[in-house]
PDB file of N, CA and C in Angstrom:
ATOM      1  N   MET A   1     -32.847 -20.656  11.754  1.00  0.00           N
ATOM      2  CA  MET A   1     -31.882 -19.907  11.981  1.00  0.00           C
ATOM      3  C   MET A   1     -32.102 -19.293  10.058  1.00  0.00           C
ATOM      4  N   GLY A   2     -31.529 -18.032   9.842  1.00  0.00           N
ATOM      5  CA  GLY A   2     -30.936 -17.617   8.534  1.00  0.00           C
ATOM      6  C   GLY A   2     -29.805 -17.587   8.506  1.00  0.00           C
ATOM      7  N   VAL A   3     -28.988 -18.136   7.353  1.00  0.00           N
ATOM      8  CA  VAL A   3     -27.858 -17.594   6.832  1.00  0.00           C
ATOM      9  C   VAL A   3     -27.098 -16.515   6.780  1.00  0.00           C
ATOM     10  N   THR A   4     -26.487 -15.525   7.360  1.00  0.00           N
ATOM     11  CA  THR A   4     -25.837 -14.444   7.310  1.00  0.00           C
ATOM     12  C   THR A   4     -24.381 -14.657   5.970  1.00  0.00           C
ATOM     13  N   LYS A   5     -24.588 -13.830   5.072  1.00  0.00           N
ATOM     14  CA  LYS A   5     -23.885 -13.517   4.173  1.00  0.00           C
ATOM     15  C   LYS A   5     -22.801 -12.674   4.621  1.00  0.00           C
ATOM     16  N   LYS A   6     -21.460 -12.875   4.471  1.00  0.00           N
ATOM     17  CA  LYS A   6     -20.287 -12.228   4.787  1.00  0.00           C
ATOM     18  C   LYS A   6     -19.963 -10.653   3.529  1.00  0.00           C
ATOM     19  N   LYS A   7     -19.919  -9.850   3.911  1.00  0.00           N
ATOM     20  CA  LYS A   7     -19.818  -8.789   3.221  1.00  0.00           C
ATOM     21  C   LYS A   7     -18.716  -8.354   2.583  1.00  0.00           C
ATOM     22  N   PHE A   8     -18.463  -8.235   0.819  1.00  0.00           N
ATOM     23  CA  PHE A   8     -17.060  -8.306   0.370  1.00  0.00           C
ATOM     24  C   PHE A   8     -16.673  -6.808  -0.002  1.00  0.00           C
ATOM     25  N   ASP A   9     -15.530  -6.089   0.717  1.00  0.00           N
ATOM     26  CA  ASP A   9     -15.383  -4.684   0.430  1.00  0.00           C
ATOM     27  C   ASP A   9     -14.574  -4.722  -1.029  1.00  0.00           C
ATOM     28  N   MET A  10     -15.371  -4.197  -2.423  1.00  0.00           N
ATOM     29  CA  MET A  10     -14.924  -3.786  -3.558  1.00  0.00           C
ATOM     30  C   MET A  10     -14.336  -2.746  -3.879  1.00  0.00           C
ATOM     31  N   GLY A  11     -14.387  -2.023  -2.942  1.00  0.00           N
ATOM     32  CA  GLY A  11     -13.738  -0.587  -3.114  1.00  0.00           C
ATOM     33  C   GLY A  11     -14.208   0.376  -3.458  1.00  0.00           C
ATOM     34  N   VAL A  12     -13.909   1.652  -4.146  1.00  0.00           N
ATOM     35  CA  VAL A  12     -14.742   2.497  -4.751  1.00  0.00           C
ATOM     36  C   VAL A  12     -14.714   2.873  -6.502  1.00  0.00           C
ATOM     37  N   ALA A  13     -15.789   2.526  -7.152  1.00  0.00           N
ATOM     38  CA  ALA A  13     -15.630   2.278  -8.101  1.00  0.00           C
ATOM     39  C   ALA A  13     -15.995   4.235  -8.840  1.00  0.00           C
ATOM     40  N   PRO A  14     -14.960   4.530  -9.876  1.00  0.00           N
ATOM     41  CA  PRO A  14     -14.596   5.753 -10.317  1.00  0.00           C
ATOM     42  C   PRO A  14     -15.990   6.352 -10.809  1.00  0.00           C
ATOM     43  N   HIS A  15     -16.117   7.794 -10.868  1.00  0.00           N
ATOM     44  CA  HIS A  15     -17.837   8.009 -11.504  1.00  0.00           C
ATOM     45  C   HIS A  15     -17.301   9.274 -12.763  1.00  0.00           C
ATOM     46  N   ASP A  16     -16.083   9.145 -12.958  1.00  0.00           N
ATOM     47  CA  ASP A  16     -16.290   9.926 -14.130  1.00  0.00           C
ATOM     48  C   ASP A  16     -17.065   9.958 -15.201  1.00  0.00           C
ATOM     49  N   GLU A  17     -17.310  10.753 -15.866  1.00  0.00           N
ATOM     50  CA  GLU A  17     -18.206  10.877 -17.230  1.00  0.00           C
ATOM     51  C   GLU A  17     -18.014   9.835 -18.078  1.00  0.00           C
ATOM     52  N   GLU A  18     -16.691   9.692 -18.388  1.00  0.00           N
ATOM     53  CA  GLU A  18     -16.288   9.059 -19.693  1.00  0.00           C
ATOM     54  C   GLU A  18     -16.408   7.656 -19.490  1.00  0.00           C
ATOM     55  N   SER A  19     -15.672   7.258 -18.287  1.00  0.00           N
ATOM     56  CA  SER A  19     -16.076   5.872 -17.606  1.00  0.00           C
ATOM     57  C   SER A  19     -17.514   5.592 -17.859  1.00  0.00           C
ATOM     58  N   LEU A  20     -18.457   5.806 -17.387  1.00  0.00           N
ATOM     59  CA  LEU A  20     -19.542   6.104 -17.027  1.00  0.00           C
ATOM     60  C   LEU A  20     -20.758   5.849 -18.634  1.00  0.00           C
ATOM     61  N   GLU A  21     -20.104   6.511 -19.796  1.00  0.00           N
ATOM     62  CA  GLU A  21     -20.244   6.939 -20.686  1.00  0.00           C
ATOM     63  C   GLU A  21     -20.072   5.401 -21.663  1.00  0.00           C
ATOM     64  N   ALA A  22     -19.087   4.917 -21.420  1.00  0.00           N
ATOM     65  CA  ALA A  22     -18.537   3.776 -21.987  1.00  0.00           C
ATOM     66  C   ALA A  22     -19.512   2.524 -21.369  1.00  0.00           C
ATOM     67  N   TRP A  23     -19.267   2.628 -20.200  1.00  0.00           N
ATOM     68  CA  TRP A  23     -20.654   1.669 -19.612  1.00  0.00           C
ATOM     69  C   TRP A  23     -21.371   1.308 -20.029  1.00  0.00           C
ATOM     70  N   ARG A  24     -22.156   2.664 -20.143  1.00  0.00           N
ATOM     71  CA  ARG A  24     -23.339   2.862 -20.377  1.00  0.00           C
ATOM     72  C   ARG A  24     -23.707   1.656 -21.803  1.00  0.00           C
ATOM     73  N   TRP A  25     -22.857   2.018 -22.749  1.00  0.00           N
ATOM     74  CA  TRP A  25     -22.966   1.836 -24.151  1.00  0.00           C
ATOM     75  C   TRP A  25     -22.554   0.586 -24.426  1.00  0.00           C
ATOM     76  N   CYS A  26     -21.818  -0.373 -23.203  1.00  0.00           N
ATOM     77  CA  CYS A  26     -21.471  -1.588 -23.584  1.00  0.00           C
ATOM     78  C   CYS A  26     -23.330  -2.533 -23.163  1.00  0.00           C
ATOM     79  N   ILE A  27     -23.375  -1.715 -21.774  1.00  0.00           N
ATOM     80  CA  ILE A  27     -24.741  -2.309 -21.732  1.00  0.00           C
ATOM     81  C   ILE A  27     -25.457  -2.271 -22.640  1.00  0.00           C
ATOM     82  N   ARG A  28     -25.736  -1.566 -23.165  1.00  0.00           N
ATOM     83  CA  ARG A  28     -26.877  -0.977 -24.648  1.00  0.00           C
ATOM     84  C   ARG A  28     -26.710  -1.981 -25.698  1.00  0.00           C
ATOM     85  N   ASN A  29     -25.279  -2.211 -25.588  1.00  0.00           N
ATOM     86  CA  ASN A  29     -24.887  -2.761 -26.835  1.00  0.00           C
ATOM     87  C   ASN A  29     -24.392  -4.355 -26.623  1.00  0.00           C
ATOM     88  N   ASN A  30     -25.035  -4.819 -25.397  1.00  0.00           N
ATOM     89  CA  ASN A  30     -25.134  -6.339 -24.924  1.00  0.00           C
ATOM     90  C   ASN A  30     -23.662  -6.720 -24.790  1.00  0.00           C
ATOM     91  N   ILE A  31     -22.812  -5.932 -24.417  1.00  0.00           N
ATOM     92  CA  ILE A  31     -21.537  -6.313 -23.930  1.00  0.00           C
ATOM     93  C   ILE A  31     -21.429  -6.067 -22.510  1.00  0.00           C
ATOM     94  N   LYS A  32     -21.291  -7.500 -21.948  1.00  0.00           N
ATOM     95  CA  LYS A  32     -21.637  -7.712 -20.508  1.00  0.00           C
ATOM     96  C   LYS A  32     -19.877  -7.992 -19.942  1.00  0.00           C
ATOM     97  N   ILE A  33     -19.408  -6.832 -18.721  1.00  0.00           N
ATOM     98  CA  ILE A  33     -18.177  -6.904 -17.907  1.00  0.00           C
ATOM     99  C   ILE A  33     -18.459  -7.183 -16.805  1.00  0.00           C
ATOM    100  N   TYR A  34     -18.192  -7.874 -15.867  1.00  0.00           N
ATOM    101  CA  TYR A  34     -18.346  -7.987 -14.831  1.00  0.00           C
ATOM    102  C   TYR A  34     -17.434  -8.664 -13.793  1.00  0.00           C
ATOM    103  N   PRO A  35     -17.280  -8.385 -12.497  1.00  0.00           N
ATOM    104  CA  PRO A  35     -16.499  -8.854 -11.723  1.00  0.00           C
ATOM    105  C   PRO A  35     -16.731 -10.515 -10.941  1.00  0.00           C
ATOM    106  N   THR A  36     -15.848 -11.039 -10.821  1.00  0.00           N
ATOM    107  CA  THR A  36     -16.392 -12.679 -10.332  1.00  0.00           C
ATOM    108  C   THR A  36     -15.384 -12.534  -9.113  1.00  0.00           C
ATOM    109  N   CYS A  37     -15.722 -13.186  -7.814  1.00  0.00           N
ATOM    110  CA  CYS A  37     -15.249 -13.708  -6.546  1.00  0.00           C
ATOM    111  C   CYS A  37     -14.097 -14.549  -7.069  1.00  0.00           C
ATOM    112  N   ALA A  38     -12.775 -14.040  -6.505  1.00  0.00           N
ATOM    113  CA  ALA A  38     -11.673 -15.307  -6.723  1.00  0.00           C
ATOM    114  C   ALA A  38     -11.717 -15.676  -5.117  1.00  0.00           C
ATOM    115  N   SER A  39     -11.541 -14.950  -4.196  1.00  0.00           N
ATOM    116  CA  SER A  39     -11.651 -14.943  -2.917  1.00  0.00           C
ATOM    117  C   SER A  39     -12.460 -13.489  -2.227  1.00  0.00           C
ATOM    118  N   GLU A  40     -11.919 -13.452  -1.103  1.00  0.00           N
ATOM    119  CA  GLU A  40     -12.874 -12.738  -0.003  1.00  0.00           C
ATOM    120  C   GLU A  40     -12.272 -11.186  -0.546  1.00  0.00           C
ATOM    121  N   LYS A  41     -10.787 -11.082  -1.145  1.00  0.00           N
ATOM    122  CA  LYS A  41     -10.333  -9.861  -1.439  1.00  0.00           C
ATOM    123  C   LYS A  41      -9.774  -9.838  -2.686  1.00  0.00           C
ATOM    124  N   SER A  42     -10.415 -10.447  -3.677  1.00  0.00           N
ATOM    125  CA  SER A  42      -9.757 -10.795  -5.313  1.00  0.00           C
ATOM    126  C   SER A  42     -10.754 -10.866  -6.086  1.00  0.00           C
ATOM    127  N   TRP A  43     -10.669 -10.469  -7.034  1.00  0.00           N
ATOM    128  CA  TRP A  43     -11.725 -10.666  -7.968  1.00  0.00           C
ATOM    129  C   TRP A  43     -10.850 -11.038  -9.840  1.00  0.00           C
ATOM    130  N   TRP A  44     -12.279 -11.894 -10.548  1.00  0.00           N
ATOM    131  CA  TRP A  44     -11.603 -11.836 -11.509  1.00  0.00           C
ATOM    132  C   TRP A  44     -12.842 -11.013 -12.491  1.00  0.00           C
ATOM    133  N   LEU A  45     -12.235 -10.806 -13.664  1.00  0.00           N
ATOM    134  CA  LEU A  45     -13.257 -10.010 -14.448  1.00  0.00           C
ATOM    135  C   LEU A  45     -13.779 -11.180 -15.758  1.00  0.00           C
ATOM    136  N   SER A  46     -14.672 -11.147 -16.383  1.00  0.00           N
ATOM    137  CA  SER A  46     -15.585 -11.984 -17.053  1.00  0.00           C
ATOM    138  C   SER A  46     -16.467 -11.080 -17.682  1.00  0.00           C
ATOM    139  N   ILE A  47     -16.159 -11.124 -19.494  1.00  0.00           N
ATOM    140  CA  ILE A  47     -16.618 -10.615 -20.329  1.00  0.00           C
ATOM    141  C   ILE A  47     -17.437 -11.492 -21.059  1.00  0.00           C
ATOM    142  N   GLU A  48     -18.416 -10.843 -21.149  1.00  0.00           N
ATOM    143  CA  GLU A  48     -19.626 -11.323 -22.285  1.00  0.00           C
ATOM    144  C   GLU A  48     -19.853 -10.802 -23.577  1.00  0.00           C
ATOM    145  N   ASN A  49     -19.762 -11.137 -25.193  1.00  0.00           N
ATOM    146  CA  ASN A  49     -19.435 -10.606 -26.243  1.00  0.00           C
ATOM    147  C   ASN A  49     -19.744 -11.336 -27.464  1.00  0.00           C
ATOM    148  N   LYS A  50     -20.761 -11.228 -27.980  1.00  0.00           N
ATOM    149  CA  LYS A  50     -21.272 -12.040 -28.832  1.00  0.00           C
ATOM    150  C   LYS A  50     -21.542 -13.211 -28.651  1.00  0.00           C
ATOM    151  N   GLY A  51     -22.669 -13.656 -27.569  1.00  0.00           N
ATOM    152  CA  GLY A  51     -22.326 -15.178 -27.179  1.00  0.00           C
ATOM    153  C   GLY A  51     -21.192 -15.750 -26.879  1.00  0.00           C
ATOM    154  N   LYS A  52     -19.699 -15.405 -26.430  1.00  0.00           N
ATOM    155  CA  LYS A  52     -19.251 -15.447 -25.738  1.00  0.00           C
ATOM    156  C   LYS A  52     -18.504 -15.090 -24.724  1.00  0.00           C
ATOM    157  N   THR A  53     -18.275 -15.713 -23.849  1.00  0.00           N
ATOM    158  CA  THR A  53     -17.733 -15.744 -22.512  1.00  0.00           C
ATOM    159  C   THR A  53     -16.423 -15.790 -22.666  1.00  0.00           C
ATOM    160  N   HIS A  54     -15.461 -14.685 -22.031  1.00  0.00           N
ATOM    161  CA  HIS A  54     -14.218 -14.845 -21.821  1.00  0.00           C
ATOM    162  C   HIS A  54     -13.711 -14.478 -20.022  1.00  0.00           C
ATOM    163  N   LYS A  55     -13.054 -15.307 -19.614  1.00  0.00           N
ATOM    164  CA  LYS A  55     -12.304 -14.455 -18.638  1.00  0.00           C
ATOM    165  C   LYS A  55     -10.966 -14.363 -18.170  1.00  0.00           C
ATOM    166  N   ASP A  56     -10.670 -12.805 -17.905  1.00  0.00           N
ATOM    167  CA  ASP A  56      -9.775 -11.992 -17.596  1.00  0.00           C
ATOM    168  C   ASP A  56      -8.944 -13.151 -16.785  1.00  0.00           C
ATOM    169  N   PRO A  57      -7.318 -13.748 -17.141  1.00  0.00           N
ATOM    170  CA  PRO A  57      -7.026 -14.740 -16.171  1.00  0.00           C
ATOM    171  C   PRO A  57      -6.111 -13.863 -15.109  1.00  0.00           C
ATOM    172  N   ASN A  58      -6.357 -12.695 -15.039  1.00  0.00           N
ATOM    173  CA  ASN A  58      -5.307 -12.097 -14.035  1.00  0.00           C
ATOM    174  C   ASN A  58      -6.632 -11.412 -12.891  1.00  0.00           C
ATOM    175  N   VAL A  59      -6.317 -11.261 -11.606  1.00  0.00           N
ATOM    176  CA  VAL A  59      -6.729 -11.601 -10.276  1.00  0.00           C
ATOM    177  C   VAL A  59      -6.444 -10.079  -9.850  1.00  0.00           C
ATOM    178  N   TYR A  60      -7.321  -9.511  -9.815  1.00  0.00           N
ATOM    179  CA  TYR A  60      -7.492  -7.750  -9.442  1.00  0.00           C
ATOM    180  C   TYR A  60      -8.065  -7.594  -7.796  1.00  0.00           C
ATOM    181  N   GLY A  61      -7.300  -6.878  -7.256  1.00  0.00           N
ATOM    182  CA  GLY A  61      -7.709  -6.359  -5.703  1.00  0.00           C
ATOM    183  C   GLY A  61      -8.885  -5.399  -5.631  1.00  0.00           C
ATOM    184  N   LYS A  62      -9.660  -5.001  -4.956  1.00  0.00           N
ATOM    185  CA  LYS A  62     -10.898  -4.111  -4.360  1.00  0.00           C
ATOM    186  C   LYS A  62     -10.559  -2.775  -5.497  1.00  0.00           C
ATOM    187  N   ASN A  63      -9.674  -1.975  -5.199  1.00  0.00           N
ATOM    188  CA  ASN A  63      -9.615  -0.709  -6.086  1.00  0.00           C
ATOM    189  C   ASN A  63      -9.252  -1.094  -7.609  1.00  0.00           C
ATOM    190  N   GLU A  64      -8.463  -1.952  -8.065  1.00  0.00           N
ATOM    191  CA  GLU A  64      -8.170  -2.412  -8.697  1.00  0.00           C
ATOM    192  C   GLU A  64      -9.132  -3.026  -9.991  1.00  0.00           C
ATOM    193  N   ILE A  65     -10.069  -3.829  -9.064  1.00  0.00           N
ATOM    194  CA  ILE A  65     -11.183  -4.504 -10.109  1.00  0.00           C
ATOM    195  C   ILE A  65     -11.669  -2.785 -10.700  1.00  0.00           C
ATOM    196  N   TRP A  66     -12.272  -2.236 -10.281  1.00  0.00           N
ATOM    197  CA  TRP A  66     -13.126  -1.032 -11.159  1.00  0.00           C
ATOM    198  C   TRP A  66     -12.594  -0.515 -12.289  1.00  0.00           C
ATOM    199  N   ASP A  67     -10.658  -0.124 -12.159  1.00  0.00           N
ATOM    200  CA  ASP A  67      -9.949   0.624 -12.917  1.00  0.00           C
ATOM    201  C   ASP A  67     -10.006  -0.406 -14.069  1.00  0.00           C
ATOM    202  N   LYS A  68      -9.914  -1.738 -13.836  1.00  0.00           N
ATOM    203  CA  LYS A  68      -9.708  -2.523 -14.833  1.00  0.00           C
ATOM    204  C   LYS A  68     -10.943  -2.737 -15.819  1.00  0.00           C
ATOM    205  N   LEU A  69     -12.267  -2.651 -14.931  1.00  0.00           N
ATOM    206  CA  LEU A  69     -13.481  -2.929 -15.470  1.00  0.00           C
ATOM    207  C   LEU A  69     -13.872  -1.419 -16.346  1.00  0.00           C
ATOM    208  N   TYR A  70     -13.666  -0.438 -15.987  1.00  0.00           N
ATOM    209  CA  TYR A  70     -13.897   0.707 -16.892  1.00  0.00           C
ATOM    210  C   TYR A  70     -12.725   0.605 -18.064  1.00  0.00           C
ATOM    211  N   GLU A  71     -11.911   0.319 -17.695  1.00  0.00           N
ATOM    212  CA  GLU A  71     -10.803   0.288 -19.009  1.00  0.00           C
ATOM    213  C   GLU A  71     -11.487  -0.630 -20.366  1.00  0.00           C
ATOM    214  N   TYR A  72     -11.834  -1.911 -19.567  1.00  0.00           N
ATOM    215  CA  TYR A  72     -12.203  -2.691 -20.961  1.00  0.00           C
ATOM    216  C   TYR A  72     -13.706  -1.906 -21.675  1.00  0.00           C
ATOM    217  N   CYS A  73     -14.419  -1.699 -20.756  1.00  0.00           N
ATOM    218  CA  CYS A  73     -15.525  -0.886 -21.149  1.00  0.00           C
ATOM    219  C   CYS A  73     -15.138   0.280 -22.226  1.00  0.00           C
ATOM    220  N   LYS A  74     -14.017   1.410 -21.860  1.00  0.00           N
ATOM    221  CA  LYS A  74     -13.610   1.871 -22.740  1.00  0.00           C
ATOM    222  C   LYS A  74     -12.975   1.519 -24.326  1.00  0.00           C
ATOM    223  N   TYR A  75     -12.294   0.285 -24.117  1.00  0.00           N
ATOM    224  CA  TYR A  75     -11.732  -0.517 -25.016  1.00  0.00           C
ATOM    225  C   TYR A  75     -12.730  -0.974 -26.072  1.00  0.00           C
ATOM    226  N   TYR A  76     -14.014  -1.134 -25.181  1.00  0.00           N
ATOM    227  CA  TYR A  76     -14.940  -1.759 -26.414  1.00  0.00           C
ATOM    228  C   TYR A  76     -15.995  -0.739 -26.984  1.00  0.00           C
ATOM    229  N   PHE A  77     -15.842   0.349 -26.056  1.00  0.00           N
ATOM    230  CA  PHE A  77     -16.701   1.424 -26.712  1.00  0.00           C
ATOM    231  C   PHE A  77     -15.578   2.024 -27.936  1.00  0.00           C
ATOM    232  N   ASN A  78     -14.278   2.081 -27.627  1.00  0.00           N
ATOM    233  CA  ASN A  78     -13.543   2.486 -28.840  1.00  0.00           C
ATOM    234  C   ASN A  78     -13.575   1.787 -29.632  1.00  0.00           C
ATOM    235  N   LYS A  79     -13.449   0.662 -29.858  1.00  0.00           N
ATOM    236  CA  LYS A  79     -13.407  -0.258 -30.594  1.00  0.00           C
ATOM    237  C   LYS A  79     -14.452  -0.289 -31.661  1.00  0.00           C
ATOM    238  N   TYR A  80     -15.904  -0.138 -30.890  1.00  0.00           N
ATOM    239  CA  TYR A  80     -17.226  -0.434 -31.669  1.00  0.00           C
ATOM    240  C   TYR A  80     -18.227   0.590 -31.853  1.00  0.00           C
ATOM    241  N   ASN A  81     -17.450   1.570 -31.221  1.00  0.00           N
ATOM    242  CA  ASN A  81     -18.524   2.881 -31.572  1.00  0.00           C
ATOM    243  C   ASN A  81     -18.229   3.641 -32.704  1.00  0.00           C
ATOM    244  N   ASN A  82     -19.175   3.670 -33.687  1.00  0.00           N
ATOM    245  CA  ASN A  82     -18.804   4.952 -35.039  1.00  0.00           C
ATOM    246  C   ASN A  82     -19.132   6.101 -34.525  1.00  0.00           C
TER     247      ASN A  82
END
């Protein structure tokens, strides 16, 4: 018998062009921002940049997680994109 994994509902990610451009820029520049499961209904955000990993101490719900993830992407995009 196989193990059945329970699916988690992480809500819907926004798909506006500005958010996606910042997200793509982060990936191309080796800045990784990703959710880490805290429980079935909450997540932390982890950020890997320049060989260091930081975890946002706040816990986010299913729709908040995507808003915050793209907020971080936009922050790094605006900070480092010349």
